[in-house]
């Protein structure tokens, strides 16, 4: 039995072989165009990760049948963001720690690692302004005697790709930006693959040590830097940085770094790239004019009147036509009154002149039984008198 790794549906569908292959081709072309395909010191990766101040062990050794508990500071922890950047050579740029709050206190800086800054945001997450501030620190760390461009790999977070001021700043300093395909950073980003994975492991270890030493006391922000410094020193190494770029195929470039099993979850959502789809037929600019009914096919008027409308009870059972000739067979009688529908005009045939007198011809219903309730309901009745009885009613069936 094995414990499965949690993988979201978006990441399962996003890590598609065709998408990743196309991205690697663009990545290689851009490095060759910039002339830094063999320069690891000019290829950077930047990302953020959240650190929880609640520490717990995943597995412990205990006695069978006896309860096993671990004392912690609280049931819920607070998230603190760590923003880090490093290149394929193993050099780390300025690191920023982001607390939840409004103002940074000086005592929070005690014990911070070298080349680290502390900032605050409303929720402890990265913002566009903080990322722009980091960008200014980032470009100041470049050597001034090397005019070659730098290359920065980012994910698609809104504070990165929709930060116009940040993009303008890096463009002015000859820094080119490229984003990973959506939902693929867990397999393609060096920071996720190596640095932050190692940092969270050592952060939990150092946090559990501090919790046991302080008898379950909550980690304060004054003590945060001391615990973070010990974890950062173990994780932010040259070996981890180089292993992150090498393990994702970023440097040295390896397009086949991911095994076929990594693309297996995307098979259920396999799709065709838009560039390979056939071009749909275009709609003609002008549609052909529909044929018109010739006037010679219209039935000529018979008698002193002309037919005006063709009326139907329904789309399937036409009623008697108001025309100059009788139908060859009587219309079908409806089985119930529910089948009757209002008379609707189908097609205008003729229009009467204003000075012409119109006479409508009587439509004769044949083979209608007198005991039909529907027929008696709509047939006018007339009174008749017999010699011995009073007035009575009878059905008018005169032809």
Protein backbone atom coordinates (compact mmCIF):
# COMPACT_ATOMS: atom_id res chain seq x y z
CA UNK A 1 0.00 0.00 0.00
CA UNK A 2 1.26 3.46 -0.90
CA UNK A 3 0.04 6.91 0.03
CA UNK A 4 -0.87 8.79 -3.19
CA UNK A 5 0.48 12.25 -3.86
CA UNK A 6 -2.22 14.90 -4.00
CA UNK A 7 -2.51 16.38 -7.51
CA UNK A 8 -5.18 18.92 -8.45
CA UNK A 9 -7.26 18.43 -11.59
CA UNK A 10 -5.85 21.67 -13.04
CA UNK A 11 -2.26 20.45 -12.69
CA UNK A 12 -3.16 17.02 -14.01
CA UNK A 13 -4.57 18.59 -17.17
CA UNK A 14 -1.97 21.37 -17.44
CA UNK A 15 1.13 19.15 -17.56
CA UNK A 16 0.44 18.14 -21.14
CA UNK A 17 3.24 16.74 -23.29
CA UNK A 18 2.44 18.87 -26.35
CA UNK A 19 2.22 22.06 -24.31
CA UNK A 20 5.47 21.38 -22.43
CA UNK A 21 7.31 20.43 -25.64
CA UNK A 22 6.22 23.62 -27.37
CA UNK A 23 7.29 25.70 -24.35
CA UNK A 24 10.76 24.10 -24.27
CA UNK A 25 11.25 24.94 -27.95
CA UNK A 26 10.43 28.59 -27.29
CA UNK A 27 12.68 28.61 -24.23
CA UNK A 28 15.63 27.22 -26.20
CA UNK A 29 15.12 29.66 -29.08
CA UNK A 30 15.06 32.65 -26.74
CA UNK A 31 18.24 31.61 -24.91
CA UNK A 32 20.06 31.17 -28.22
CA UNK A 33 18.77 34.51 -29.49
CA UNK A 34 20.01 36.28 -26.33
CA UNK A 35 23.38 34.49 -26.48
CA UNK A 36 23.19 33.13 -22.90
CA UNK A 37 22.34 29.48 -23.60
CA UNK A 38 25.68 28.50 -22.03
CA UNK A 39 25.75 31.11 -19.25
CA UNK A 40 24.15 29.77 -16.01
CA UNK A 41 24.82 32.99 -14.08
CA UNK A 42 22.34 34.86 -16.31
CA UNK A 43 19.39 32.44 -16.04
CA UNK A 44 17.26 33.15 -12.95
CA UNK A 45 14.15 31.79 -11.29
CA UNK A 46 11.99 33.65 -8.77
CA UNK A 47 9.03 32.42 -6.74
CA UNK A 48 7.22 32.73 -3.40
CA UNK A 49 6.13 30.16 -0.86
CA UNK A 50 4.16 30.29 2.38
CA UNK A 51 5.55 29.17 5.74
CA UNK A 52 3.14 28.15 8.53
CA UNK A 53 4.03 28.77 12.18
CA UNK A 54 2.23 25.58 13.21
CA UNK A 55 4.56 22.59 13.37
CA UNK A 56 3.54 18.94 13.54
CA UNK A 57 5.14 15.61 12.75
CA UNK A 58 3.90 13.46 9.89
CA UNK A 59 4.86 10.14 11.50
CA UNK A 60 5.99 9.15 15.00
CA UNK A 61 6.82 5.92 16.84
CA UNK A 62 4.23 4.96 19.44
CA UNK A 63 2.85 2.02 21.40
CA UNK A 64 0.06 0.01 19.84
CA UNK A 65 -3.31 0.65 21.43
CA UNK A 66 -2.19 3.77 23.30
CA UNK A 67 -3.06 7.39 22.35
CA UNK A 68 -0.35 9.40 20.65
CA UNK A 69 -0.47 13.21 20.81
CA UNK A 70 1.87 16.08 19.98
CA UNK A 71 1.60 19.43 21.71
CA UNK A 72 1.56 22.46 19.38
CA UNK A 73 0.96 26.17 19.86
CA UNK A 74 -2.49 26.23 18.22
CA UNK A 75 -4.82 24.48 15.85
CA UNK A 76 -4.37 27.08 13.12
CA UNK A 77 -1.22 28.84 12.06
CA UNK A 78 -0.40 32.14 10.38
CA UNK A 79 1.15 32.26 6.92
CA UNK A 80 4.36 34.18 6.27
CA UNK A 81 5.57 34.51 2.67
CA UNK A 82 9.15 33.98 1.58
CA UNK A 83 10.20 35.41 -1.81
CA UNK A 84 13.47 34.03 -3.14
CA UNK A 85 15.42 34.07 -6.42
CA UNK A 86 18.54 32.25 -7.59
CA UNK A 87 20.32 31.44 -10.84
CA UNK A 88 21.56 28.22 -12.40
CA UNK A 89 25.08 28.89 -11.11
CA UNK A 90 23.90 28.77 -7.48
CA UNK A 91 23.89 32.48 -6.63
CA UNK A 92 20.97 33.78 -4.55
CA UNK A 93 19.47 37.22 -4.99
CA UNK A 94 17.76 39.36 -2.36
CA UNK A 95 15.24 37.45 -0.20
CA UNK A 96 12.11 39.10 1.24
CA UNK A 97 10.08 37.90 4.24
CA UNK A 98 6.49 39.21 4.21
CA UNK A 99 4.52 39.29 7.47
CA UNK A 100 0.84 40.03 7.90
CA UNK A 101 0.53 43.55 9.27
CA UNK A 102 0.85 47.25 8.58
CA UNK A 103 4.26 48.23 9.89
CA UNK A 104 7.61 46.46 10.32
CA UNK A 105 9.22 46.59 13.75
CA UNK A 106 12.96 46.74 14.16
CA UNK A 107 13.08 43.76 16.55
CA UNK A 108 11.74 41.51 13.77
CA UNK A 109 15.05 41.91 11.93
CA UNK A 110 17.14 40.38 14.72
CA UNK A 111 18.73 37.15 13.53
CA UNK A 112 17.68 37.52 9.86
CA UNK A 113 19.85 35.77 7.28
CA UNK A 114 22.26 37.84 5.27
CA UNK A 115 20.85 39.60 2.20
CA UNK A 116 17.26 39.40 3.56
CA UNK A 117 14.61 42.11 3.95
CA UNK A 118 11.39 42.12 5.99
CA UNK A 119 8.15 43.69 4.75
CA UNK A 120 4.42 43.65 5.62
CA UNK A 121 1.19 43.28 3.67
CA UNK A 122 -2.48 43.14 4.62
CA UNK A 123 -2.70 39.36 4.37
CA UNK A 124 0.94 38.29 4.44
CA UNK A 125 1.02 37.58 0.71
CA UNK A 126 2.98 39.10 -2.15
CA UNK A 127 1.60 42.26 -3.76
CA UNK A 128 2.45 44.13 -6.95
CA UNK A 129 4.14 46.94 -5.00
CA UNK A 130 6.31 44.55 -3.00
CA UNK A 131 7.26 42.65 -6.13
CA UNK A 132 8.25 45.91 -7.83
CA UNK A 133 10.40 46.75 -4.81
CA UNK A 134 12.07 43.36 -5.04
CA UNK A 135 12.71 43.97 -8.76
CA UNK A 136 14.66 47.11 -7.90
CA UNK A 137 16.80 45.11 -5.45
CA UNK A 138 17.20 42.34 -8.02
CA UNK A 139 18.70 44.48 -10.79
CA UNK A 140 21.11 46.13 -8.34
CA UNK A 141 22.78 42.78 -7.75
CA UNK A 142 23.90 42.42 -11.39
CA UNK A 143 27.61 42.84 -12.18
CA UNK A 144 28.25 46.13 -13.91
CA UNK A 145 31.05 44.84 -16.12
CA UNK A 146 28.86 42.27 -17.93
CA UNK A 147 26.55 43.82 -20.57
CA UNK A 148 24.90 40.53 -21.56
CA UNK A 149 21.14 40.26 -20.92
CA UNK A 150 19.63 38.33 -18.03
CA UNK A 151 16.75 35.89 -18.21
CA UNK A 152 14.08 35.51 -15.50
CA UNK A 153 11.65 32.60 -15.23
CA UNK A 154 8.36 33.31 -13.43
CA UNK A 155 5.01 31.69 -12.82
CA UNK A 156 1.74 33.28 -13.92
CA UNK A 157 0.80 35.01 -10.64
CA UNK A 158 -1.07 38.27 -11.11
CA UNK A 159 1.57 40.27 -9.21
CA UNK A 160 4.10 39.07 -11.82
CA UNK A 161 2.45 39.11 -15.23
CA UNK A 162 0.02 42.02 -14.64
CA UNK A 163 2.61 44.24 -12.97
CA UNK A 164 3.30 46.77 -15.72
CA UNK A 165 5.77 48.84 -13.69
CA UNK A 166 7.81 45.74 -12.87
CA UNK A 167 7.91 44.68 -16.52
CA UNK A 168 8.99 48.16 -17.63
CA UNK A 169 11.74 48.22 -15.00
CA UNK A 170 13.25 44.90 -16.05
CA UNK A 171 12.93 45.75 -19.73
CA UNK A 172 14.93 48.96 -19.19
CA UNK A 173 17.71 46.90 -17.58
CA UNK A 174 17.85 44.32 -20.38
CA UNK A 175 16.18 41.56 -18.34
CA UNK A 176 13.91 39.25 -20.33
CA UNK A 177 10.95 37.50 -18.69
CA UNK A 178 9.32 34.22 -19.60
CA UNK A 179 6.42 32.54 -17.79
CA UNK A 180 5.81 28.85 -17.39
CA UNK A 181 2.70 27.23 -18.86
CA UNK A 182 -0.29 27.30 -16.55
CA UNK A 183 -0.32 24.67 -13.78
CA UNK A 184 3.10 23.21 -14.62
CA UNK A 185 5.38 24.85 -12.03
CA UNK A 186 5.28 21.78 -9.76
CA UNK A 187 7.33 19.95 -12.43
CA UNK A 188 9.18 22.71 -14.31
CA UNK A 189 10.10 25.39 -11.75
CA UNK A 190 13.47 24.97 -9.98
CA UNK A 191 12.29 26.84 -6.86
CA UNK A 192 9.39 24.44 -6.31
CA UNK A 193 11.40 21.37 -7.23
CA UNK A 194 14.40 21.98 -4.99
CA UNK A 195 14.64 25.14 -2.86
CA UNK A 196 11.20 25.44 -1.28
CA UNK A 197 10.80 21.69 -0.91
CA UNK A 198 14.00 21.59 1.12
CA UNK A 199 13.19 24.83 2.97
CA UNK A 200 9.80 23.60 4.22
CA UNK A 201 11.34 20.32 5.37
CA UNK A 202 14.00 22.05 7.45
CA UNK A 203 11.52 24.74 8.59
CA UNK A 204 9.28 22.06 10.12
CA UNK A 205 12.25 20.38 11.78
CA UNK A 206 13.54 23.59 13.34
CA UNK A 207 10.02 24.64 14.33
CA UNK A 208 9.32 21.38 16.16
CA UNK A 209 12.60 21.73 18.04
CA UNK A 210 11.69 25.24 19.10
CA UNK A 211 8.16 24.19 20.15
CA UNK A 212 9.45 21.36 22.34
CA UNK A 213 12.03 23.66 23.86
CA UNK A 214 9.42 26.36 24.61
CA UNK A 215 6.78 23.88 25.88
CA UNK A 216 4.25 24.58 23.14
CA UNK A 217 4.61 28.36 23.07
CA UNK A 218 3.56 30.10 19.85
CA UNK A 219 6.39 31.25 17.61
CA UNK A 220 6.56 35.05 17.85
CA UNK A 221 7.82 37.31 15.11
CA UNK A 222 10.81 38.23 17.24
CA UNK A 223 11.81 34.55 17.27
CA UNK A 224 10.80 33.93 13.64
CA UNK A 225 14.08 35.13 12.15
CA UNK A 226 16.16 32.85 14.37
CA UNK A 227 14.22 29.73 13.36
CA UNK A 228 14.11 30.80 9.71
CA UNK A 229 17.86 31.47 9.58
CA UNK A 230 18.71 27.91 10.62
CA UNK A 231 16.31 26.42 8.04
CA UNK A 232 17.46 28.80 5.29
CA UNK A 233 21.13 27.96 5.84
CA UNK A 234 20.38 24.26 5.26
CA UNK A 235 18.14 24.78 2.21
CA UNK A 236 19.63 27.71 0.29
CA UNK A 237 22.78 25.98 -0.87
CA UNK A 238 24.61 26.03 -4.18
CA UNK A 239 23.91 22.32 -4.63
CA UNK A 240 20.14 22.78 -4.21
CA UNK A 241 20.04 25.68 -6.68
CA UNK A 242 21.96 23.77 -9.34
CA UNK A 243 19.93 20.61 -8.69
CA UNK A 244 16.71 22.58 -9.19
CA UNK A 245 17.75 23.80 -12.65
CA UNK A 246 19.19 20.43 -13.60
CA UNK A 247 16.19 18.44 -12.35
CA UNK A 248 13.71 20.52 -14.36
CA UNK A 249 15.75 20.63 -17.57
CA UNK A 250 16.23 24.40 -17.44
CA UNK A 251 20.04 24.20 -17.34
CA UNK A 252 21.66 22.30 -18.87
CA UNK A 253 18.78 22.26 -21.32
CA UNK A 254 17.07 18.89 -21.40
CA UNK A 255 13.72 18.75 -23.20
CA UNK A 256 13.19 15.09 -22.27
CA UNK A 257 13.75 15.54 -18.54
CA UNK A 258 10.15 14.61 -17.65
CA UNK A 259 9.26 10.91 -17.93
CA UNK A 260 6.18 9.69 -19.75
CA UNK A 261 4.55 8.89 -16.42
CA UNK A 262 4.50 12.60 -15.59
CA UNK A 263 2.16 13.22 -18.53
CA UNK A 264 -0.10 10.26 -17.79
CA UNK A 265 -2.70 12.24 -15.74
CA UNK A 266 -3.25 14.58 -18.70
CA UNK A 267 -4.30 11.77 -21.05
CA UNK A 268 -7.93 12.08 -19.97
CA UNK A 269 -7.98 15.73 -21.01
CA UNK A 270 -5.83 15.46 -24.13
CA UNK A 271 -6.65 18.24 -26.59
CA UNK A 272 -5.51 19.42 -30.00
CA UNK A 273 -3.48 22.62 -30.13
CA UNK A 274 -5.23 25.48 -31.97
CA UNK A 275 -2.37 25.72 -34.47
CA UNK A 276 -3.07 22.18 -35.72
CA UNK A 277 -6.81 22.55 -36.16
CA UNK A 278 -8.15 22.81 -39.73
CA UNK A 279 -9.25 26.23 -40.87
CA UNK A 280 -13.06 26.47 -40.72
CA UNK A 281 -14.85 27.49 -43.93
CA UNK A 282 -15.60 31.17 -44.21
CA UNK A 283 -19.13 32.41 -44.61
CA UNK A 284 -19.85 34.01 -48.00
CA UNK A 285 -20.17 37.77 -47.95
CA UNK A 286 -23.51 37.77 -49.74
CA UNK A 287 -26.14 35.07 -49.38
CA UNK A 288 -28.10 33.95 -52.49
CA UNK A 289 -31.52 35.48 -52.92
CA UNK A 290 -34.26 32.93 -52.16
CA UNK A 291 -36.46 32.06 -55.15
CA UNK A 292 -39.76 33.88 -55.37
CA UNK A 293 -43.03 32.23 -56.20
CA UNK A 294 -44.07 33.02 -59.79
CA UNK A 295 -47.26 34.95 -60.15
CA UNK A 296 -48.52 32.49 -62.76
CA UNK A 297 -48.64 29.72 -60.14
CA UNK A 298 -51.07 31.60 -57.92
CA UNK A 299 -54.65 30.29 -58.31
CA UNK A 300 -56.77 32.76 -60.27
CA UNK A 301 -59.76 34.21 -58.45
CA UNK A 302 -63.10 32.56 -59.19
CA UNK A 303 -66.31 34.41 -58.54
CA UNK A 304 -66.78 37.93 -57.33
CA UNK A 305 -64.21 37.61 -54.53
CA UNK A 306 -60.55 36.70 -54.17
CA UNK A 307 -59.01 34.46 -51.49
CA UNK A 308 -57.10 36.41 -48.89
CA UNK A 309 -55.62 34.02 -46.34
CA UNK A 310 -55.03 30.33 -46.04
CA UNK A 311 -56.15 29.42 -42.53
CA UNK A 312 -55.25 26.32 -40.57
CA UNK A 313 -56.28 24.88 -37.24
CA UNK A 314 -52.82 23.42 -36.69
CA UNK A 315 -49.64 22.63 -38.50
CA UNK A 316 -50.78 19.07 -39.20
CA UNK A 317 -54.56 19.32 -39.76
CA UNK A 318 -55.48 22.08 -42.26
CA UNK A 319 -59.03 23.36 -42.14
CA UNK A 320 -61.26 24.14 -45.08
CA UNK A 321 -59.72 26.74 -47.35
CA UNK A 322 -61.42 30.01 -47.97
CA UNK A 323 -61.01 29.64 -51.69
CA UNK A 324 -63.12 29.58 -54.79
CA UNK A 325 -63.30 25.77 -54.96
CA UNK A 326 -64.31 23.09 -52.48
CA UNK A 327 -61.73 20.61 -51.11
CA UNK A 328 -61.82 17.11 -52.51
CA UNK A 329 -62.38 15.61 -49.06
CA UNK A 330 -63.83 17.02 -45.85
CA UNK A 331 -61.41 18.13 -43.14
CA UNK A 332 -60.67 15.70 -40.36
CA UNK A 333 -62.79 16.23 -37.27
CA UNK A 334 -60.86 16.89 -34.05
CA UNK A 335 -61.27 14.21 -31.41
CA UNK A 336 -61.67 16.72 -28.60
CA UNK A 337 -61.84 20.42 -28.05
CA UNK A 338 -58.31 20.35 -26.64
CA UNK A 339 -56.93 19.71 -30.13
CA UNK A 340 -58.36 22.96 -31.47
CA UNK A 341 -55.85 25.75 -31.98
CA UNK A 342 -56.49 29.36 -33.01
CA UNK A 343 -56.67 30.06 -36.72
CA UNK A 344 -53.33 31.39 -37.90
CA UNK A 345 -52.52 33.04 -41.21
CA UNK A 346 -50.05 31.03 -43.26
CA UNK A 347 -49.48 33.01 -46.44
CA UNK A 348 -51.12 36.18 -47.85
CA UNK A 349 -52.39 35.53 -51.35
CA UNK A 350 -54.41 38.51 -52.56
CA UNK A 351 -55.40 41.91 -51.29
CA UNK A 352 -58.81 43.30 -52.09
CA UNK A 353 -59.14 46.68 -53.75
CA UNK A 354 -60.75 49.24 -51.53
CA UNK A 355 -63.67 49.84 -53.92
CA UNK A 356 -64.47 46.15 -54.52
CA UNK A 357 -67.21 44.39 -52.62
CA UNK A 358 -66.16 41.13 -50.95
CA UNK A 359 -68.50 38.16 -50.59
CA UNK A 360 -67.36 35.15 -48.57
CA UNK A 361 -68.51 31.73 -49.70
CA UNK A 362 -70.13 29.45 -47.19
CA UNK A 363 -68.09 26.41 -46.17
CA UNK A 364 -70.23 23.27 -45.94
CA UNK A 365 -69.39 20.61 -43.38
CA UNK A 366 -70.31 17.11 -44.50
CA UNK A 367 -70.67 13.79 -42.71
CA UNK A 368 -71.12 15.38 -39.32
CA UNK A 369 -73.38 13.50 -36.99
CA UNK A 370 -76.02 15.49 -35.23
CA UNK A 371 -75.31 13.85 -31.90
CA UNK A 372 -71.72 15.06 -31.96
CA UNK A 373 -71.24 17.24 -28.85
CA UNK A 374 -68.52 19.34 -30.42
CA UNK A 375 -70.67 19.94 -33.51
CA UNK A 376 -73.72 20.89 -31.44
CA UNK A 377 -71.62 23.27 -29.34
CA UNK A 378 -70.67 25.47 -32.29
CA UNK A 379 -73.79 24.97 -34.48
CA UNK A 380 -76.49 27.70 -34.17
CA UNK A 381 -79.81 26.45 -32.81
CA UNK A 382 -83.29 27.57 -33.86
CA UNK A 383 -86.55 27.34 -32.05
CA UNK A 384 -89.42 25.12 -33.39
CA UNK A 385 -93.01 24.87 -32.18
CA UNK A 386 -95.25 21.85 -32.37
CA UNK A 387 -99.00 21.89 -32.04
CA UNK A 388 -99.14 20.02 -28.73
CA UNK A 389 -95.86 21.06 -27.08
CA UNK A 390 -94.22 24.30 -26.25
CA UNK A 391 -91.10 25.79 -27.80
CA UNK A 392 -88.19 23.41 -28.34
CA UNK A 393 -84.81 23.55 -29.99
CA UNK A 394 -83.50 21.57 -32.92
CA UNK A 395 -80.30 21.46 -34.82
CA UNK A 396 -80.12 23.37 -38.03
CA UNK A 397 -78.83 20.93 -40.63
CA UNK A 398 -80.15 22.60 -43.72
CA UNK A 399 -77.85 22.23 -46.62
